[in-house]
N, C-alpha and C. Protein backbone atom coordinates (compact mmCIF):
# COMPACT_ATOMS: atom_id res chain seq x y z
N UNK A 1 141.21 60.93 97.68
CA UNK A 1 140.91 61.78 96.53
C UNK A 1 139.65 61.29 95.81
N UNK A 2 138.79 62.20 95.40
CA UNK A 2 137.61 61.88 94.63
C UNK A 2 137.96 62.02 93.15
N UNK A 3 137.86 60.93 92.36
CA UNK A 3 138.26 60.98 90.96
C UNK A 3 137.41 61.93 90.13
N UNK A 4 136.23 62.28 90.62
CA UNK A 4 135.38 63.24 89.94
C UNK A 4 136.07 64.59 89.83
N UNK A 5 137.02 64.86 90.73
CA UNK A 5 137.70 66.15 90.76
C UNK A 5 139.11 66.11 90.17
N UNK A 6 139.43 65.04 89.44
CA UNK A 6 140.80 64.87 88.94
C UNK A 6 141.19 65.94 87.92
N UNK A 7 140.20 66.56 87.27
CA UNK A 7 140.51 67.56 86.25
C UNK A 7 140.30 69.00 86.74
N UNK A 8 140.04 69.17 88.01
CA UNK A 8 139.76 70.51 88.54
C UNK A 8 140.99 71.40 88.43
N UNK A 9 140.79 72.60 87.88
CA UNK A 9 141.87 73.58 87.77
C UNK A 9 141.54 74.89 88.49
N UNK A 10 140.24 75.12 88.71
CA UNK A 10 139.79 76.39 89.30
C UNK A 10 138.95 76.10 90.53
N UNK A 11 139.28 76.75 91.63
CA UNK A 11 138.47 76.68 92.84
C UNK A 11 137.70 78.00 92.96
N UNK A 12 136.38 77.89 93.01
CA UNK A 12 135.51 79.06 93.09
C UNK A 12 134.91 79.09 94.49
N UNK A 13 135.17 80.16 95.20
CA UNK A 13 134.85 80.21 96.62
C UNK A 13 133.70 81.17 96.93
N UNK A 14 132.77 80.71 97.74
CA UNK A 14 131.88 81.61 98.46
C UNK A 14 132.71 82.19 99.61
N UNK A 15 132.18 83.19 100.29
CA UNK A 15 132.94 83.78 101.40
C UNK A 15 132.29 83.54 102.74
N UNK A 16 131.16 84.21 103.00
CA UNK A 16 130.55 84.16 104.34
C UNK A 16 130.11 82.75 104.72
N UNK A 17 130.56 82.32 105.88
CA UNK A 17 130.24 81.00 106.44
C UNK A 17 130.77 79.85 105.59
N UNK A 18 131.68 80.17 104.68
CA UNK A 18 132.41 79.15 103.94
C UNK A 18 133.88 79.20 104.33
N UNK A 19 134.49 80.36 104.22
CA UNK A 19 135.90 80.49 104.61
C UNK A 19 136.08 80.62 106.11
N UNK A 20 135.01 80.78 106.82
CA UNK A 20 135.09 80.78 108.28
C UNK A 20 133.88 80.06 108.85
N UNK A 21 134.05 79.48 110.01
CA UNK A 21 132.98 78.75 110.67
C UNK A 21 131.81 79.70 110.96
N UNK A 22 130.58 79.27 110.70
CA UNK A 22 129.43 80.14 110.95
C UNK A 22 129.41 80.67 112.38
N UNK A 23 129.17 81.95 112.50
CA UNK A 23 129.15 82.62 113.80
C UNK A 23 127.72 83.09 114.08
N UNK A 24 127.03 82.51 115.05
CA UNK A 24 125.64 82.92 115.32
C UNK A 24 125.48 84.41 115.59
N UNK A 25 126.44 84.99 116.30
CA UNK A 25 126.35 86.41 116.61
C UNK A 25 126.48 87.26 115.33
N UNK A 26 127.33 86.83 114.42
CA UNK A 26 127.48 87.54 113.16
C UNK A 26 126.22 87.38 112.31
N UNK A 27 125.67 86.20 112.28
CA UNK A 27 124.43 85.98 111.53
C UNK A 27 123.33 86.90 112.04
N UNK A 28 123.21 87.03 113.34
CA UNK A 28 122.21 87.91 113.94
C UNK A 28 122.47 89.36 113.54
N UNK A 29 123.75 89.75 113.55
CA UNK A 29 124.10 91.13 113.18
C UNK A 29 123.74 91.42 111.73
N UNK A 30 123.96 90.46 110.86
CA UNK A 30 123.63 90.63 109.45
C UNK A 30 122.12 90.78 109.26
N UNK A 31 121.37 89.91 109.93
CA UNK A 31 119.92 89.97 109.77
C UNK A 31 119.37 91.29 110.31
N UNK A 32 119.89 91.74 111.43
CA UNK A 32 119.44 93.02 112.00
C UNK A 32 119.81 94.17 111.06
N UNK A 33 120.96 94.07 110.42
CA UNK A 33 121.37 95.10 109.46
C UNK A 33 120.41 95.15 108.28
N UNK A 34 119.99 93.98 107.82
CA UNK A 34 119.03 93.93 106.71
C UNK A 34 117.71 94.58 107.11
N UNK A 35 117.25 94.29 108.32
CA UNK A 35 116.01 94.92 108.80
C UNK A 35 116.17 96.44 108.84
N UNK A 36 117.33 96.91 109.27
CA UNK A 36 117.54 98.35 109.41
C UNK A 36 117.53 99.05 108.05
N UNK A 37 118.10 98.41 107.06
CA UNK A 37 118.07 98.99 105.71
C UNK A 37 116.63 99.08 105.21
N UNK A 38 115.88 98.03 105.44
CA UNK A 38 114.47 98.05 105.04
C UNK A 38 113.72 99.17 105.77
N UNK A 39 113.97 99.29 107.06
CA UNK A 39 113.32 100.35 107.86
C UNK A 39 113.71 101.74 107.35
N UNK A 40 114.99 101.90 106.99
CA UNK A 40 115.47 103.20 106.51
C UNK A 40 114.69 103.66 105.27
N UNK A 41 114.36 102.71 104.40
CA UNK A 41 113.76 103.06 103.11
C UNK A 41 112.23 103.01 103.10
N UNK A 42 111.67 102.36 104.09
CA UNK A 42 110.21 102.22 104.10
C UNK A 42 109.53 103.01 105.21
N UNK A 43 110.28 103.29 106.27
CA UNK A 43 109.68 103.92 107.44
C UNK A 43 108.97 102.95 108.35
N UNK A 44 109.08 101.65 108.05
CA UNK A 44 108.44 100.64 108.88
C UNK A 44 109.15 100.52 110.22
N UNK A 45 108.41 100.04 111.21
CA UNK A 45 109.02 99.64 112.46
C UNK A 45 109.69 98.28 112.28
N UNK A 46 110.58 97.93 113.22
CA UNK A 46 111.35 96.70 113.08
C UNK A 46 110.43 95.48 112.94
N UNK A 47 109.36 95.41 113.69
CA UNK A 47 108.48 94.24 113.65
C UNK A 47 107.92 94.03 112.25
N UNK A 48 107.48 95.08 111.61
CA UNK A 48 106.93 94.94 110.26
C UNK A 48 108.03 94.57 109.26
N UNK A 49 109.21 95.20 109.40
CA UNK A 49 110.32 94.86 108.52
C UNK A 49 110.66 93.38 108.64
N UNK A 50 110.69 92.88 109.86
CA UNK A 50 111.00 91.47 110.10
C UNK A 50 109.94 90.56 109.49
N UNK A 51 108.67 90.91 109.69
CA UNK A 51 107.57 90.09 109.16
C UNK A 51 107.60 90.03 107.63
N UNK A 52 107.81 91.19 107.00
CA UNK A 52 107.82 91.23 105.54
C UNK A 52 109.04 90.49 104.99
N UNK A 53 110.16 90.60 105.69
CA UNK A 53 111.36 89.87 105.29
C UNK A 53 111.10 88.37 105.29
N UNK A 54 110.49 87.88 106.34
CA UNK A 54 110.25 86.45 106.48
C UNK A 54 109.28 85.92 105.43
N UNK A 55 108.40 86.78 104.94
CA UNK A 55 107.46 86.36 103.90
C UNK A 55 108.17 86.03 102.58
N UNK A 56 109.29 86.71 102.34
CA UNK A 56 109.99 86.54 101.07
C UNK A 56 111.20 85.63 101.16
N UNK A 57 111.90 85.68 102.30
CA UNK A 57 113.15 84.94 102.41
C UNK A 57 112.91 83.44 102.35
N UNK A 58 113.59 82.77 101.43
CA UNK A 58 113.49 81.33 101.17
C UNK A 58 112.16 80.93 100.57
N UNK A 59 111.29 81.90 100.33
CA UNK A 59 110.03 81.64 99.63
C UNK A 59 110.14 82.16 98.20
N UNK A 60 110.52 83.44 98.08
CA UNK A 60 110.74 84.05 96.78
C UNK A 60 112.21 83.90 96.36
N UNK A 61 113.13 84.09 97.31
CA UNK A 61 114.56 83.97 97.04
C UNK A 61 115.29 83.60 98.33
N UNK A 62 116.36 82.80 98.23
CA UNK A 62 117.16 82.48 99.43
C UNK A 62 118.17 83.55 99.77
N UNK A 63 118.28 84.59 98.95
CA UNK A 63 119.26 85.65 99.19
C UNK A 63 118.67 86.75 100.07
N UNK A 64 119.23 86.92 101.27
CA UNK A 64 118.77 87.97 102.16
C UNK A 64 119.01 89.35 101.57
N UNK A 65 120.10 89.50 100.82
CA UNK A 65 120.38 90.78 100.18
C UNK A 65 119.32 91.12 99.15
N UNK A 66 118.91 90.13 98.38
CA UNK A 66 117.88 90.37 97.37
C UNK A 66 116.54 90.70 98.02
N UNK A 67 116.21 90.02 99.11
CA UNK A 67 114.98 90.33 99.84
C UNK A 67 115.01 91.77 100.33
N UNK A 68 116.15 92.16 100.89
CA UNK A 68 116.31 93.53 101.38
C UNK A 68 116.10 94.53 100.24
N UNK A 69 116.71 94.26 99.10
CA UNK A 69 116.57 95.14 97.94
C UNK A 69 115.12 95.22 97.48
N UNK A 70 114.45 94.08 97.45
CA UNK A 70 113.05 94.06 97.01
C UNK A 70 112.16 94.89 97.92
N UNK A 71 112.32 94.71 99.22
CA UNK A 71 111.45 95.42 100.17
C UNK A 71 111.80 96.90 100.26
N UNK A 72 113.08 97.23 100.18
CA UNK A 72 113.50 98.63 100.26
C UNK A 72 113.34 99.36 98.93
N UNK A 73 113.09 98.55 97.87
CA UNK A 73 112.94 99.11 96.52
C UNK A 73 114.21 99.88 96.08
N UNK A 74 115.34 99.20 96.28
CA UNK A 74 116.62 99.76 95.87
C UNK A 74 117.39 98.69 95.10
N UNK A 75 118.38 99.08 94.31
CA UNK A 75 119.19 98.09 93.60
C UNK A 75 119.89 97.15 94.59
N UNK A 76 120.16 95.94 94.14
CA UNK A 76 120.77 94.95 95.02
C UNK A 76 122.16 95.39 95.47
N UNK A 77 122.88 96.13 94.62
CA UNK A 77 124.20 96.63 95.01
C UNK A 77 124.08 97.60 96.18
N UNK A 78 123.08 98.48 96.11
CA UNK A 78 122.85 99.42 97.22
C UNK A 78 122.48 98.67 98.49
N UNK A 79 121.66 97.63 98.34
CA UNK A 79 121.27 96.83 99.51
C UNK A 79 122.48 96.18 100.15
N UNK A 80 123.39 95.65 99.34
CA UNK A 80 124.61 95.01 99.87
C UNK A 80 125.47 96.02 100.60
N UNK A 81 125.68 97.18 99.98
CA UNK A 81 126.55 98.19 100.59
C UNK A 81 125.94 98.75 101.87
N UNK A 82 124.65 99.07 101.82
CA UNK A 82 124.02 99.67 102.99
C UNK A 82 123.95 98.68 104.15
N UNK A 83 123.67 97.43 103.84
CA UNK A 83 123.63 96.41 104.89
C UNK A 83 124.98 96.28 105.56
N UNK A 84 126.05 96.25 104.77
CA UNK A 84 127.39 96.06 105.34
C UNK A 84 127.87 97.28 106.13
N UNK A 85 127.22 98.40 105.94
CA UNK A 85 127.55 99.57 106.76
C UNK A 85 127.03 99.44 108.19
N UNK A 86 126.14 98.50 108.41
CA UNK A 86 125.53 98.33 109.74
C UNK A 86 126.16 97.19 110.55
N UNK A 87 127.12 96.47 109.97
CA UNK A 87 127.80 95.44 110.75
C UNK A 87 129.23 95.31 110.26
N UNK A 88 130.07 94.70 111.07
CA UNK A 88 131.49 94.53 110.74
C UNK A 88 131.90 93.11 111.07
N UNK A 89 132.17 92.32 110.04
CA UNK A 89 132.56 90.93 110.24
C UNK A 89 133.78 90.79 111.14
N UNK A 90 134.66 91.77 111.06
CA UNK A 90 135.95 91.67 111.76
C UNK A 90 135.79 91.56 113.27
N UNK A 91 134.68 92.04 113.80
CA UNK A 91 134.43 91.97 115.24
C UNK A 91 134.25 90.53 115.71
N UNK A 92 133.90 89.64 114.80
CA UNK A 92 133.54 88.28 115.18
C UNK A 92 134.58 87.24 114.75
N UNK A 93 135.63 87.68 114.03
CA UNK A 93 136.59 86.75 113.46
C UNK A 93 138.01 87.08 113.91
N UNK A 94 138.92 86.14 113.67
CA UNK A 94 140.32 86.32 114.06
C UNK A 94 141.21 85.59 113.05
N UNK A 95 142.50 85.81 113.17
CA UNK A 95 143.45 85.14 112.28
C UNK A 95 143.27 83.63 112.36
N UNK A 96 143.28 82.97 111.19
CA UNK A 96 143.03 81.54 111.12
C UNK A 96 144.23 80.87 110.47
N UNK A 97 145.10 80.31 111.30
CA UNK A 97 146.34 79.72 110.78
C UNK A 97 146.05 78.48 109.94
N UNK A 98 144.97 77.78 110.24
CA UNK A 98 144.61 76.60 109.45
C UNK A 98 144.14 77.00 108.06
N UNK A 99 143.43 78.11 107.97
CA UNK A 99 142.98 78.60 106.67
C UNK A 99 144.16 79.09 105.84
N UNK A 100 145.09 79.76 106.49
CA UNK A 100 146.30 80.22 105.81
C UNK A 100 147.07 79.02 105.24
N UNK A 101 147.20 77.99 106.05
CA UNK A 101 147.91 76.78 105.61
C UNK A 101 147.17 76.09 104.47
N UNK A 102 145.83 76.13 104.52
CA UNK A 102 145.04 75.51 103.45
C UNK A 102 145.37 76.14 102.10
N UNK A 103 145.37 77.46 102.03
CA UNK A 103 145.63 78.11 100.75
C UNK A 103 147.07 77.92 100.30
N UNK A 104 147.97 77.74 101.24
CA UNK A 104 149.35 77.45 100.87
C UNK A 104 149.47 76.08 100.19
N UNK A 105 148.58 75.17 100.57
CA UNK A 105 148.57 73.84 99.96
C UNK A 105 147.88 73.84 98.58
N UNK A 106 147.13 74.89 98.31
CA UNK A 106 146.31 74.93 97.09
C UNK A 106 146.90 75.87 96.03
N UNK A 107 148.20 76.08 96.08
CA UNK A 107 148.83 77.06 95.19
C UNK A 107 148.78 76.63 93.72
N UNK A 108 148.53 75.36 93.44
CA UNK A 108 148.52 74.89 92.06
C UNK A 108 147.18 75.15 91.36
N UNK A 109 146.24 75.74 92.07
CA UNK A 109 144.93 76.00 91.50
C UNK A 109 144.71 77.50 91.31
N UNK A 110 143.86 77.83 90.34
CA UNK A 110 143.36 79.20 90.24
C UNK A 110 142.27 79.38 91.30
N UNK A 111 142.20 80.57 91.88
CA UNK A 111 141.20 80.86 92.89
C UNK A 111 140.38 82.08 92.48
N UNK A 112 139.06 81.92 92.46
CA UNK A 112 138.15 83.02 92.21
C UNK A 112 137.16 83.08 93.36
N UNK A 113 136.71 84.27 93.70
CA UNK A 113 135.71 84.38 94.76
C UNK A 113 134.42 84.96 94.20
N UNK A 114 133.31 84.33 94.57
CA UNK A 114 131.98 84.78 94.15
C UNK A 114 131.12 84.95 95.40
N UNK A 115 131.23 86.09 96.06
CA UNK A 115 130.46 86.34 97.29
C UNK A 115 129.20 87.14 96.98
N UNK A 116 128.35 87.28 97.98
CA UNK A 116 127.20 88.18 97.86
C UNK A 116 127.45 89.51 98.56
N UNK A 117 128.65 89.68 99.12
CA UNK A 117 129.01 90.93 99.77
C UNK A 117 129.85 91.81 98.87
N UNK A 118 130.31 92.93 99.40
CA UNK A 118 131.10 93.88 98.61
C UNK A 118 132.59 93.59 98.75
N UNK A 119 133.32 93.91 97.71
CA UNK A 119 134.75 93.60 97.68
C UNK A 119 135.51 94.31 98.79
N UNK A 120 135.19 95.58 99.04
CA UNK A 120 135.91 96.35 100.05
C UNK A 120 135.81 95.71 101.44
N UNK A 121 134.60 95.32 101.83
CA UNK A 121 134.41 94.74 103.16
C UNK A 121 135.03 93.36 103.25
N UNK A 122 134.94 92.60 102.18
CA UNK A 122 135.54 91.26 102.19
C UNK A 122 137.05 91.36 102.27
N UNK A 123 137.62 92.33 101.58
CA UNK A 123 139.08 92.52 101.63
C UNK A 123 139.54 92.79 103.05
N UNK A 124 138.82 93.62 103.77
CA UNK A 124 139.18 93.93 105.15
C UNK A 124 139.07 92.70 106.04
N UNK A 125 138.09 91.85 105.76
CA UNK A 125 137.91 90.64 106.57
C UNK A 125 138.99 89.61 106.25
N UNK A 126 139.35 89.48 104.98
CA UNK A 126 140.44 88.58 104.61
C UNK A 126 141.73 88.96 105.32
N UNK A 127 141.94 90.25 105.47
CA UNK A 127 143.14 90.72 106.18
C UNK A 127 143.15 90.21 107.63
N UNK A 128 142.00 90.23 108.27
CA UNK A 128 141.89 89.72 109.64
C UNK A 128 142.14 88.21 109.66
N UNK A 129 141.57 87.49 108.71
CA UNK A 129 141.74 86.04 108.66
C UNK A 129 143.18 85.64 108.33
N UNK A 130 143.92 86.55 107.69
CA UNK A 130 145.30 86.27 107.35
C UNK A 130 145.51 85.75 105.95
N UNK A 131 144.49 85.86 105.10
CA UNK A 131 144.56 85.38 103.71
C UNK A 131 144.75 86.58 102.79
N UNK A 132 145.85 86.64 102.03
CA UNK A 132 146.09 87.79 101.15
C UNK A 132 145.03 87.91 100.05
N UNK A 133 144.65 89.14 99.73
CA UNK A 133 143.74 89.36 98.61
C UNK A 133 144.29 88.77 97.32
N UNK A 134 145.61 88.81 97.17
CA UNK A 134 146.23 88.33 95.93
C UNK A 134 146.05 86.83 95.72
N UNK A 135 145.57 86.12 96.74
CA UNK A 135 145.27 84.70 96.59
C UNK A 135 144.25 84.47 95.48
N UNK A 136 143.35 85.44 95.32
CA UNK A 136 142.23 85.30 94.38
C UNK A 136 142.48 86.12 93.13
N UNK A 137 142.36 85.48 91.99
CA UNK A 137 142.62 86.17 90.73
C UNK A 137 141.59 87.26 90.47
N UNK A 138 140.37 87.01 90.90
CA UNK A 138 139.34 88.03 90.72
C UNK A 138 138.22 87.79 91.72
N UNK A 139 137.44 88.85 91.95
CA UNK A 139 136.26 88.81 92.80
C UNK A 139 135.06 89.18 91.94
N UNK A 140 134.09 88.32 91.89
CA UNK A 140 132.87 88.61 91.12
C UNK A 140 131.77 88.89 92.12
N UNK A 141 131.48 90.17 92.34
CA UNK A 141 130.57 90.60 93.39
C UNK A 141 129.33 91.25 92.79
N UNK A 142 128.31 91.53 93.60
CA UNK A 142 127.12 92.23 93.09
C UNK A 142 127.44 93.60 92.49
N UNK A 143 128.55 94.20 92.90
CA UNK A 143 128.94 95.49 92.33
C UNK A 143 129.21 95.37 90.84
N UNK A 144 129.63 94.18 90.42
CA UNK A 144 129.92 93.93 89.01
C UNK A 144 128.72 93.34 88.28
N UNK A 145 128.03 92.42 88.94
CA UNK A 145 126.97 91.68 88.27
C UNK A 145 125.59 92.34 88.39
N UNK A 146 125.43 93.17 89.42
CA UNK A 146 124.15 93.83 89.73
C UNK A 146 123.07 92.84 90.17
N UNK A 147 123.49 91.62 90.50
CA UNK A 147 122.59 90.60 91.04
C UNK A 147 123.33 89.86 92.13
N UNK A 148 122.61 89.03 92.88
CA UNK A 148 123.23 88.17 93.88
C UNK A 148 122.97 86.71 93.54
N UNK A 149 123.81 85.85 94.04
CA UNK A 149 123.51 84.43 93.96
C UNK A 149 122.18 84.18 94.68
N UNK A 150 121.35 83.29 94.19
CA UNK A 150 121.59 82.22 93.23
C UNK A 150 121.37 82.56 91.76
N UNK A 151 121.30 83.82 91.39
CA UNK A 151 121.25 84.18 89.98
C UNK A 151 122.46 83.55 89.28
N UNK A 152 122.28 83.09 88.08
CA UNK A 152 123.36 82.37 87.38
C UNK A 152 124.45 83.30 86.84
N UNK A 153 124.19 84.60 86.76
CA UNK A 153 125.13 85.50 86.11
C UNK A 153 126.53 85.48 86.72
N UNK A 154 126.68 85.49 88.07
CA UNK A 154 128.04 85.44 88.61
C UNK A 154 128.82 84.20 88.16
N UNK A 155 128.13 83.08 88.04
CA UNK A 155 128.78 81.84 87.66
C UNK A 155 129.12 81.84 86.16
N UNK A 156 128.26 82.46 85.38
CA UNK A 156 128.56 82.60 83.95
C UNK A 156 129.79 83.48 83.74
N UNK A 157 129.94 84.51 84.57
CA UNK A 157 131.11 85.38 84.47
C UNK A 157 132.39 84.65 84.88
N UNK A 158 132.27 83.71 85.80
CA UNK A 158 133.42 82.87 86.15
C UNK A 158 133.92 82.15 84.91
N UNK A 159 133.00 81.53 84.18
CA UNK A 159 133.38 80.77 82.98
C UNK A 159 133.91 81.69 81.89
N UNK A 160 133.34 82.88 81.78
CA UNK A 160 133.85 83.86 80.81
C UNK A 160 135.28 84.27 81.17
N UNK A 161 135.55 84.37 82.46
CA UNK A 161 136.86 84.81 82.92
C UNK A 161 137.93 83.75 82.67
N UNK A 162 137.65 82.50 83.01
CA UNK A 162 138.68 81.46 82.93
C UNK A 162 138.81 80.86 81.55
N UNK A 163 137.72 80.88 80.76
CA UNK A 163 137.72 80.28 79.43
C UNK A 163 137.97 78.77 79.47
N UNK A 164 137.67 78.16 80.62
CA UNK A 164 137.87 76.72 80.78
C UNK A 164 136.52 76.01 80.83
N UNK A 165 136.49 74.72 80.53
CA UNK A 165 135.24 73.96 80.63
C UNK A 165 134.66 74.03 82.04
N UNK A 166 133.35 74.06 82.14
CA UNK A 166 132.69 74.17 83.45
C UNK A 166 133.13 73.07 84.40
N UNK A 167 133.33 71.87 83.88
CA UNK A 167 133.67 70.72 84.73
C UNK A 167 135.05 70.83 85.36
N UNK A 168 135.85 71.80 84.94
CA UNK A 168 137.17 72.01 85.55
C UNK A 168 137.12 73.02 86.70
N UNK A 169 135.89 73.42 87.06
CA UNK A 169 135.69 74.35 88.18
C UNK A 169 135.02 73.62 89.33
N UNK A 170 135.50 73.87 90.54
CA UNK A 170 134.86 73.35 91.74
C UNK A 170 134.31 74.52 92.53
N UNK A 171 132.98 74.61 92.65
CA UNK A 171 132.34 75.64 93.44
C UNK A 171 132.21 75.16 94.86
N UNK A 172 132.69 75.97 95.81
CA UNK A 172 132.74 75.59 97.22
C UNK A 172 131.90 76.59 98.01
N UNK A 173 130.89 76.10 98.72
CA UNK A 173 130.04 77.01 99.47
C UNK A 173 129.28 76.33 100.58
N UNK A 174 128.69 77.13 101.44
CA UNK A 174 127.96 76.59 102.59
C UNK A 174 126.45 76.53 102.38
N UNK A 175 125.95 77.17 101.31
CA UNK A 175 124.51 77.16 101.07
C UNK A 175 124.23 76.46 99.74
N UNK A 176 123.60 75.32 99.84
CA UNK A 176 123.37 74.49 98.65
C UNK A 176 122.56 75.25 97.60
N UNK A 177 121.45 75.84 98.02
CA UNK A 177 120.55 76.48 97.07
C UNK A 177 121.15 77.75 96.47
N UNK A 178 121.97 78.45 97.24
CA UNK A 178 122.53 79.73 96.81
C UNK A 178 123.84 79.56 96.05
N UNK A 179 124.75 78.75 96.60
CA UNK A 179 126.10 78.64 96.05
C UNK A 179 126.27 77.51 95.05
N UNK A 180 125.59 76.40 95.27
CA UNK A 180 125.92 75.18 94.53
C UNK A 180 124.94 74.86 93.40
N UNK A 181 123.66 75.04 93.64
CA UNK A 181 122.67 74.67 92.61
C UNK A 181 122.91 75.42 91.30
N UNK A 182 123.08 76.76 91.32
CA UNK A 182 123.30 77.45 90.05
C UNK A 182 124.61 77.08 89.37
N UNK A 183 125.64 76.77 90.17
CA UNK A 183 126.91 76.34 89.59
C UNK A 183 126.77 74.97 88.94
N UNK A 184 126.06 74.09 89.61
CA UNK A 184 125.85 72.74 89.11
C UNK A 184 125.08 72.75 87.78
N UNK A 185 124.12 73.65 87.67
CA UNK A 185 123.33 73.74 86.44
C UNK A 185 124.19 74.12 85.23
N UNK A 186 125.27 74.82 85.49
CA UNK A 186 126.18 75.21 84.41
C UNK A 186 127.24 74.16 84.13
N UNK A 187 127.26 73.10 84.93
CA UNK A 187 128.21 72.02 84.71
C UNK A 187 129.42 72.03 85.61
N UNK A 188 129.49 72.95 86.56
CA UNK A 188 130.59 72.95 87.51
C UNK A 188 130.46 71.80 88.50
N UNK A 189 131.58 71.39 89.06
CA UNK A 189 131.55 70.47 90.20
C UNK A 189 131.21 71.28 91.45
N UNK A 190 130.66 70.61 92.44
CA UNK A 190 130.23 71.35 93.63
C UNK A 190 130.63 70.63 94.91
N UNK A 191 130.96 71.43 95.92
CA UNK A 191 131.30 70.90 97.24
C UNK A 191 130.58 71.71 98.30
N UNK A 192 129.83 71.03 99.13
CA UNK A 192 129.12 71.68 100.23
C UNK A 192 129.97 71.63 101.49
N UNK A 193 130.22 72.80 102.07
CA UNK A 193 130.89 72.88 103.37
C UNK A 193 129.79 72.89 104.43
N UNK A 194 129.59 71.76 105.07
CA UNK A 194 128.43 71.60 105.95
C UNK A 194 128.66 72.17 107.34
N UNK A 195 129.95 72.34 107.73
CA UNK A 195 130.27 72.74 109.11
C UNK A 195 129.50 71.86 110.10
N UNK A 196 129.45 70.56 109.73
CA UNK A 196 128.88 69.51 110.58
C UNK A 196 127.36 69.63 110.74
N UNK A 197 126.73 70.40 109.86
CA UNK A 197 125.26 70.42 109.86
C UNK A 197 124.77 69.06 109.40
N UNK A 198 123.81 68.53 110.08
CA UNK A 198 123.33 67.17 109.81
C UNK A 198 122.05 67.21 108.98
N UNK A 199 122.22 67.14 107.66
CA UNK A 199 121.06 67.03 106.79
C UNK A 199 121.46 66.35 105.49
N UNK A 200 120.50 65.71 104.87
CA UNK A 200 120.73 65.01 103.62
C UNK A 200 120.73 66.00 102.46
N UNK A 201 121.69 65.84 101.55
CA UNK A 201 121.75 66.68 100.36
C UNK A 201 121.75 65.76 99.14
N UNK A 202 120.83 65.98 98.20
CA UNK A 202 120.75 65.10 97.02
C UNK A 202 122.05 65.09 96.21
N UNK A 203 122.42 63.93 95.71
CA UNK A 203 123.65 63.79 94.94
C UNK A 203 123.61 64.58 93.64
N UNK A 204 122.41 64.85 93.14
CA UNK A 204 122.33 65.59 91.88
C UNK A 204 122.58 67.08 92.09
N UNK A 205 122.68 67.52 93.34
CA UNK A 205 122.97 68.92 93.64
C UNK A 205 124.41 69.12 94.12
N UNK A 206 124.93 68.14 94.81
CA UNK A 206 126.25 68.28 95.45
C UNK A 206 127.11 67.07 95.10
N UNK A 207 128.31 67.33 94.63
CA UNK A 207 129.22 66.24 94.27
C UNK A 207 130.01 65.71 95.45
N UNK A 208 130.23 66.56 96.45
CA UNK A 208 130.98 66.15 97.64
C UNK A 208 130.59 67.03 98.80
N UNK A 209 130.79 66.51 100.00
CA UNK A 209 130.52 67.27 101.22
C UNK A 209 131.74 67.17 102.13
N UNK A 210 132.14 68.30 102.69
CA UNK A 210 133.18 68.31 103.72
C UNK A 210 132.59 68.96 104.96
N UNK A 211 133.00 68.49 106.11
CA UNK A 211 132.42 69.01 107.35
C UNK A 211 133.06 70.32 107.77
N UNK A 212 134.28 70.60 107.28
CA UNK A 212 134.94 71.89 107.53
C UNK A 212 135.69 72.29 106.26
N UNK A 213 135.98 73.56 106.13
CA UNK A 213 136.69 74.04 104.94
C UNK A 213 138.07 73.44 104.82
N UNK A 214 138.66 73.06 105.93
CA UNK A 214 140.04 72.58 105.94
C UNK A 214 140.19 71.21 105.28
N UNK A 215 139.08 70.53 105.00
CA UNK A 215 139.12 69.21 104.41
C UNK A 215 139.09 69.21 102.88
N UNK A 216 139.05 70.38 102.29
CA UNK A 216 138.98 70.49 100.84
C UNK A 216 140.14 69.76 100.16
N UNK A 217 141.30 69.81 100.78
CA UNK A 217 142.48 69.18 100.16
C UNK A 217 142.30 67.68 99.94
N UNK A 218 141.46 67.04 100.72
CA UNK A 218 141.26 65.59 100.58
C UNK A 218 140.57 65.23 99.28
N UNK A 219 139.95 66.22 98.61
CA UNK A 219 139.22 65.95 97.38
C UNK A 219 140.08 66.11 96.13
N UNK A 220 141.19 66.79 96.28
CA UNK A 220 141.93 67.25 95.09
C UNK A 220 143.22 66.49 94.90
N UNK A 221 143.49 66.02 93.68
CA UNK A 221 144.65 65.14 93.45
C UNK A 221 145.99 65.80 93.74
N UNK A 222 146.11 67.10 93.50
CA UNK A 222 147.40 67.76 93.68
C UNK A 222 147.75 67.96 95.15
N UNK A 223 146.75 67.74 96.03
CA UNK A 223 147.00 68.00 97.45
C UNK A 223 146.67 66.80 98.32
N UNK A 224 146.13 65.75 97.72
CA UNK A 224 145.72 64.60 98.51
C UNK A 224 146.91 63.95 99.17
N UNK A 225 146.75 63.57 100.43
CA UNK A 225 147.86 62.94 101.14
C UNK A 225 147.83 61.44 100.97
């Protein structure tokens, strides 16, 4: 158990590539979907859409959805919805008994989800994974905030919702710059799910690292073995 997390009461979850192991084929499908949305709104060919996307992604913003919205000149909510119409996460995922068991061990915590996708599509994917929607007290999505992470607004709404001190929240995500940095700035604790990616992460950005999502219990006093 990490004593830094002894007061944690709320677990705040990212979704894509956090609750499931990153899938290269799914990542490719998402990126192609983003290009298609850009093409739909600009009339560009795929090559130009790809080039313009790469100019902005991780340069102006790490959010692919925000880049898509910027290039297509549409609201970020529209970009999220239209992109998700071009791919289906469920094709790449299956029931995860280890994930189901994980949430059964974490029943003493409040659970909130802060994804960059839409609630409807995430709900359908959770059903495939075997995790009930009711596990999460609320979903704070771009449909509500009108922005995507790493904008601080979703994290501010988490604190508004729980009415608890920021340090009693643990933000769990796979992208340091998108999921963890904005949470850390507000005073939340942070955990990077590396999925065994080998890179150094500064301690001032991440409080803990786990190599898979299933190791989260090792950090928390109510579940530590």
